[in-house]
Amino acid sequence: MPATSGWIGGLSFFAFSASALFVGWRLVFRRGPYQTEVIPVWSCLVVQMVQALQIDTDHWHHLNLLFGLLFGFAAADRMAGIVRVRGSAAERRLDDGSFEM
């Protein structure tokens, strides 16, 4: 990547890859509705990133797909957490229709 994008592009790709590996690591070990789908996506991404240390990744469209899947699962997991929190607040509705705070 640094060969075609320069130093700034290479450093930003490295930072993006590191953040993706961190997000994936966190999702793999977190109990959630998407854990079983995240495990194969993250394991494939880790292997691809190790291979990317050796080979240029400019035309690896499947790598972009894996990044998109991983961050999509991260967003879906976050939204599922928000729905769970809102759902628990809705269950604490008082008899007069107001919410307990």
N, C-alpha and C. Protein backbone atom coordinates (compact mmCIF):
# COMPACT_ATOMS: atom_id res chain seq x y z
N MET A 1 0.81 -1.20 0.00
CA MET A 1 0.00 0.00 0.00
C MET A 1 0.85 1.27 0.00
N PRO A 2 1.94 1.35 0.75
CA PRO A 2 2.74 2.57 0.71
C PRO A 2 3.36 2.84 -0.66
N ALA A 3 3.50 1.81 -1.50
CA ALA A 3 4.12 2.01 -2.81
C ALA A 3 3.25 2.88 -3.71
N THR A 4 1.95 2.81 -3.59
CA THR A 4 1.07 3.59 -4.46
C THR A 4 0.43 4.78 -3.75
N SER A 5 0.38 4.76 -2.43
CA SER A 5 -0.30 5.83 -1.70
C SER A 5 0.64 6.76 -0.95
N GLY A 6 1.90 6.43 -0.91
CA GLY A 6 2.85 7.26 -0.19
C GLY A 6 2.88 6.91 1.29
N TRP A 7 3.65 7.68 2.03
CA TRP A 7 3.81 7.41 3.46
C TRP A 7 2.52 7.64 4.24
N ILE A 8 1.82 8.70 3.91
CA ILE A 8 0.58 9.00 4.64
C ILE A 8 -0.48 7.91 4.38
N GLY A 9 -0.59 7.48 3.13
CA GLY A 9 -1.52 6.42 2.81
C GLY A 9 -1.14 5.11 3.47
N GLY A 10 0.15 4.81 3.50
CA GLY A 10 0.61 3.58 4.14
C GLY A 10 0.38 3.59 5.64
N LEU A 11 0.66 4.72 6.27
CA LEU A 11 0.43 4.83 7.72
C LEU A 11 -1.05 4.80 8.07
N SER A 12 -1.87 5.44 7.24
CA SER A 12 -3.31 5.40 7.52
C SER A 12 -3.88 4.00 7.29
N PHE A 13 -3.36 3.28 6.29
CA PHE A 13 -3.81 1.89 6.09
C PHE A 13 -3.38 1.02 7.26
N PHE A 14 -2.18 1.24 7.77
CA PHE A 14 -1.71 0.50 8.94
C PHE A 14 -2.60 0.80 10.15
N ALA A 15 -2.94 2.07 10.36
CA ALA A 15 -3.79 2.44 11.50
C ALA A 15 -5.20 1.85 11.33
N PHE A 16 -5.73 1.88 10.12
CA PHE A 16 -7.05 1.31 9.86
C PHE A 16 -7.04 -0.20 10.10
N SER A 17 -5.98 -0.86 9.63
CA SER A 17 -5.87 -2.31 9.83
C SER A 17 -5.74 -2.66 11.30
N ALA A 18 -4.95 -1.88 12.04
CA ALA A 18 -4.80 -2.13 13.47
C ALA A 18 -6.13 -1.94 14.20
N SER A 19 -6.88 -0.91 13.81
CA SER A 19 -8.18 -0.69 14.47
C SER A 19 -9.16 -1.82 14.11
N ALA A 20 -9.10 -2.32 12.88
CA ALA A 20 -9.97 -3.43 12.49
C ALA A 20 -9.62 -4.69 13.27
N LEU A 21 -8.34 -4.96 13.46
CA LEU A 21 -7.94 -6.13 14.23
C LEU A 21 -8.37 -5.99 15.69
N PHE A 22 -8.29 -4.78 16.24
CA PHE A 22 -8.73 -4.55 17.62
C PHE A 22 -10.24 -4.73 17.75
N VAL A 23 -10.99 -4.17 16.82
CA VAL A 23 -12.46 -4.29 16.87
C VAL A 23 -12.86 -5.75 16.72
N GLY A 24 -12.20 -6.47 15.82
CA GLY A 24 -12.50 -7.88 15.64
C GLY A 24 -12.16 -8.71 16.86
N TRP A 25 -11.03 -8.42 17.47
CA TRP A 25 -10.62 -9.14 18.69
C TRP A 25 -11.66 -8.94 19.79
N ARG A 26 -12.14 -7.72 19.92
CA ARG A 26 -13.15 -7.42 20.94
C ARG A 26 -14.46 -8.14 20.66
N LEU A 27 -14.87 -8.19 19.39
CA LEU A 27 -16.14 -8.84 19.04
C LEU A 27 -16.08 -10.35 19.14
N VAL A 28 -14.91 -10.93 18.87
CA VAL A 28 -14.79 -12.39 18.92
C VAL A 28 -15.00 -12.90 20.34
N PHE A 29 -14.49 -12.18 21.33
CA PHE A 29 -14.58 -12.65 22.70
C PHE A 29 -15.73 -12.05 23.49
N ARG A 30 -16.61 -11.36 22.82
CA ARG A 30 -17.78 -10.77 23.47
C ARG A 30 -19.02 -11.58 23.13
N ARG A 31 -19.77 -11.95 24.14
CA ARG A 31 -21.02 -12.67 23.90
C ARG A 31 -22.02 -11.72 23.27
N GLY A 32 -22.55 -12.12 22.14
CA GLY A 32 -23.51 -11.28 21.46
C GLY A 32 -24.22 -12.06 20.38
N PRO A 33 -25.18 -11.42 19.73
CA PRO A 33 -25.96 -12.13 18.72
C PRO A 33 -25.17 -12.46 17.45
N TYR A 34 -24.04 -11.80 17.22
CA TYR A 34 -23.29 -11.98 15.99
C TYR A 34 -21.93 -12.65 16.22
N GLN A 35 -21.71 -13.21 17.38
CA GLN A 35 -20.40 -13.77 17.69
C GLN A 35 -20.04 -14.93 16.75
N THR A 36 -20.99 -15.78 16.45
CA THR A 36 -20.69 -16.92 15.58
C THR A 36 -20.37 -16.50 14.14
N GLU A 37 -20.88 -15.37 13.70
CA GLU A 37 -20.56 -14.88 12.36
C GLU A 37 -19.25 -14.10 12.34
N VAL A 38 -18.91 -13.45 13.44
CA VAL A 38 -17.70 -12.64 13.50
C VAL A 38 -16.45 -13.51 13.55
N ILE A 39 -16.52 -14.66 14.20
CA ILE A 39 -15.34 -15.51 14.37
C ILE A 39 -14.72 -15.90 13.02
N PRO A 40 -15.46 -16.41 12.03
CA PRO A 40 -14.81 -16.74 10.75
C PRO A 40 -14.35 -15.51 9.97
N VAL A 41 -15.10 -14.41 10.05
CA VAL A 41 -14.69 -13.19 9.34
C VAL A 41 -13.38 -12.68 9.92
N TRP A 42 -13.28 -12.64 11.24
CA TRP A 42 -12.07 -12.11 11.87
C TRP A 42 -10.88 -13.03 11.65
N SER A 43 -11.11 -14.34 11.71
CA SER A 43 -9.99 -15.26 11.50
C SER A 43 -9.46 -15.17 10.07
N CYS A 44 -10.34 -15.01 9.09
CA CYS A 44 -9.88 -14.81 7.71
C CYS A 44 -9.14 -13.48 7.56
N LEU A 45 -9.62 -12.45 8.23
CA LEU A 45 -8.98 -11.15 8.14
C LEU A 45 -7.58 -11.16 8.76
N VAL A 46 -7.41 -11.85 9.87
CA VAL A 46 -6.09 -11.93 10.50
C VAL A 46 -5.09 -12.60 9.57
N VAL A 47 -5.49 -13.69 8.95
CA VAL A 47 -4.60 -14.39 8.03
C VAL A 47 -4.26 -13.50 6.83
N GLN A 48 -5.24 -12.78 6.31
CA GLN A 48 -4.99 -11.89 5.19
C GLN A 48 -4.05 -10.75 5.56
N MET A 49 -4.17 -10.25 6.79
CA MET A 49 -3.29 -9.16 7.21
C MET A 49 -1.85 -9.65 7.42
N VAL A 50 -1.69 -10.88 7.88
CA VAL A 50 -0.34 -11.44 7.98
C VAL A 50 0.25 -11.59 6.58
N GLN A 51 -0.54 -12.05 5.64
CA GLN A 51 -0.08 -12.17 4.26
C GLN A 51 0.20 -10.80 3.64
N ALA A 52 -0.53 -9.79 4.07
CA ALA A 52 -0.35 -8.43 3.53
C ALA A 52 0.98 -7.83 3.94
N LEU A 53 1.61 -8.36 4.97
CA LEU A 53 2.95 -7.88 5.32
C LEU A 53 3.96 -8.21 4.23
N GLN A 54 3.66 -9.22 3.45
CA GLN A 54 4.59 -9.68 2.42
C GLN A 54 4.18 -9.22 1.02
N ILE A 55 2.89 -9.18 0.73
CA ILE A 55 2.41 -8.93 -0.62
C ILE A 55 1.59 -7.63 -0.63
N ASP A 56 1.65 -6.91 -1.73
CA ASP A 56 0.90 -5.68 -1.90
C ASP A 56 -0.61 -5.97 -1.94
N THR A 57 -1.40 -5.14 -1.31
CA THR A 57 -2.85 -5.39 -1.18
C THR A 57 -3.71 -4.46 -2.02
N ASP A 58 -3.14 -3.83 -3.04
CA ASP A 58 -3.90 -2.85 -3.82
C ASP A 58 -5.11 -3.46 -4.53
N HIS A 59 -5.01 -4.65 -5.03
CA HIS A 59 -6.09 -5.26 -5.80
C HIS A 59 -6.78 -6.40 -5.06
N TRP A 60 -6.69 -6.40 -3.77
CA TRP A 60 -7.34 -7.43 -2.96
C TRP A 60 -8.73 -6.94 -2.58
N HIS A 61 -9.68 -7.13 -3.44
CA HIS A 61 -11.03 -6.65 -3.17
C HIS A 61 -11.69 -7.46 -2.06
N HIS A 62 -11.30 -8.69 -1.90
CA HIS A 62 -11.86 -9.50 -0.82
C HIS A 62 -11.42 -8.96 0.55
N LEU A 63 -10.27 -8.29 0.62
CA LEU A 63 -9.84 -7.69 1.88
C LEU A 63 -10.77 -6.55 2.26
N ASN A 64 -11.17 -5.74 1.28
CA ASN A 64 -12.14 -4.68 1.55
C ASN A 64 -13.48 -5.25 1.98
N LEU A 65 -13.87 -6.38 1.41
CA LEU A 65 -15.10 -7.05 1.81
C LEU A 65 -15.02 -7.50 3.27
N LEU A 66 -13.88 -8.08 3.66
CA LEU A 66 -13.72 -8.51 5.05
C LEU A 66 -13.74 -7.33 6.01
N PHE A 67 -13.10 -6.22 5.63
CA PHE A 67 -13.15 -5.02 6.47
C PHE A 67 -14.60 -4.54 6.63
N GLY A 68 -15.33 -4.51 5.51
CA GLY A 68 -16.72 -4.06 5.56
C GLY A 68 -17.60 -4.97 6.41
N LEU A 69 -17.40 -6.28 6.27
CA LEU A 69 -18.17 -7.21 7.09
C LEU A 69 -17.88 -7.02 8.57
N LEU A 70 -16.60 -6.87 8.90
CA LEU A 70 -16.22 -6.73 10.30
C LEU A 70 -16.82 -5.47 10.92
N PHE A 71 -16.66 -4.33 10.25
CA PHE A 71 -17.21 -3.10 10.80
C PHE A 71 -18.73 -3.08 10.75
N GLY A 72 -19.33 -3.78 9.79
CA GLY A 72 -20.79 -3.91 9.77
C GLY A 72 -21.30 -4.71 10.96
N PHE A 73 -20.59 -5.81 11.28
CA PHE A 73 -20.96 -6.58 12.47
C PHE A 73 -20.75 -5.76 13.74
N ALA A 74 -19.71 -4.93 13.76
CA ALA A 74 -19.49 -4.09 14.94
C ALA A 74 -20.62 -3.09 15.11
N ALA A 75 -21.08 -2.51 14.01
CA ALA A 75 -22.20 -1.57 14.09
C ALA A 75 -23.49 -2.28 14.49
N ALA A 76 -23.72 -3.47 13.94
CA ALA A 76 -24.92 -4.23 14.28
C ALA A 76 -24.90 -4.65 15.75
N ASP A 77 -23.73 -5.03 16.25
CA ASP A 77 -23.62 -5.41 17.65
C ASP A 77 -23.87 -4.21 18.56
N ARG A 78 -23.40 -3.07 18.14
CA ARG A 78 -23.65 -1.86 18.94
C ARG A 78 -25.13 -1.49 18.94
N MET A 79 -25.76 -1.62 17.77
CA MET A 79 -27.20 -1.33 17.70
C MET A 79 -28.00 -2.34 18.52
N ALA A 80 -27.58 -3.59 18.53
CA ALA A 80 -28.27 -4.60 19.34
C ALA A 80 -28.15 -4.27 20.81
N GLY A 81 -27.01 -3.73 21.23
CA GLY A 81 -26.83 -3.31 22.62
C GLY A 81 -27.73 -2.14 22.98
N ILE A 82 -27.91 -1.20 22.04
CA ILE A 82 -28.78 -0.06 22.29
C ILE A 82 -30.23 -0.51 22.41
N VAL A 83 -30.64 -1.45 21.56
CA VAL A 83 -32.01 -1.96 21.62
C VAL A 83 -32.24 -2.69 22.93
N ARG A 84 -31.23 -3.47 23.39
CA ARG A 84 -31.38 -4.18 24.66
C ARG A 84 -31.53 -3.20 25.82
N VAL A 85 -30.77 -2.10 25.79
CA VAL A 85 -30.86 -1.11 26.87
C VAL A 85 -32.22 -0.42 26.83
N ARG A 86 -32.67 -0.04 25.65
CA ARG A 86 -33.97 0.61 25.54
C ARG A 86 -35.08 -0.35 25.91
N GLY A 87 -34.94 -1.62 25.56
CA GLY A 87 -35.95 -2.61 25.90
C GLY A 87 -36.06 -2.80 27.39
N SER A 88 -34.94 -2.75 28.10
CA SER A 88 -35.00 -2.91 29.55
C SER A 88 -35.63 -1.69 30.21
N ALA A 89 -35.45 -0.50 29.62
CA ALA A 89 -36.10 0.69 30.17
C ALA A 89 -37.61 0.63 29.93
N ALA A 90 -38.01 0.05 28.80
CA ALA A 90 -39.44 -0.06 28.51
C ALA A 90 -40.12 -1.03 29.46
N GLU A 91 -39.37 -2.02 29.93
CA GLU A 91 -39.96 -2.98 30.86
C GLU A 91 -40.18 -2.38 32.25
N ARG A 92 -39.53 -1.27 32.54
CA ARG A 92 -39.66 -0.64 33.85
C ARG A 92 -40.72 0.46 33.83
N ARG A 93 -41.69 0.31 32.98
CA ARG A 93 -42.75 1.31 32.89
C ARG A 93 -43.65 1.18 34.11
N LEU A 94 -44.00 2.29 34.68
CA LEU A 94 -44.85 2.30 35.87
C LEU A 94 -46.32 2.14 35.47
N ASP A 95 -47.18 1.96 36.48
CA ASP A 95 -48.59 1.73 36.22
C ASP A 95 -49.28 2.91 35.55
N ASP A 96 -48.82 4.12 35.84
CA ASP A 96 -49.47 5.29 35.26
C ASP A 96 -48.94 5.61 33.84
N GLY A 97 -48.04 4.77 33.31
CA GLY A 97 -47.53 4.99 31.94
C GLY A 97 -46.22 5.74 31.90
N SER A 98 -45.78 6.28 33.03
CA SER A 98 -44.49 6.99 33.03
C SER A 98 -43.35 6.00 33.23
N PHE A 99 -42.15 6.43 32.93
CA PHE A 99 -40.98 5.58 33.05
C PHE A 99 -40.30 5.80 34.39
N GLU A 100 -39.70 4.74 34.89
CA GLU A 100 -38.91 4.84 36.11
C GLU A 100 -37.52 5.28 35.75
N MET A 101 -37.01 6.28 36.39
CA MET A 101 -35.66 6.79 36.09
C MET A 101 -34.70 6.46 37.17
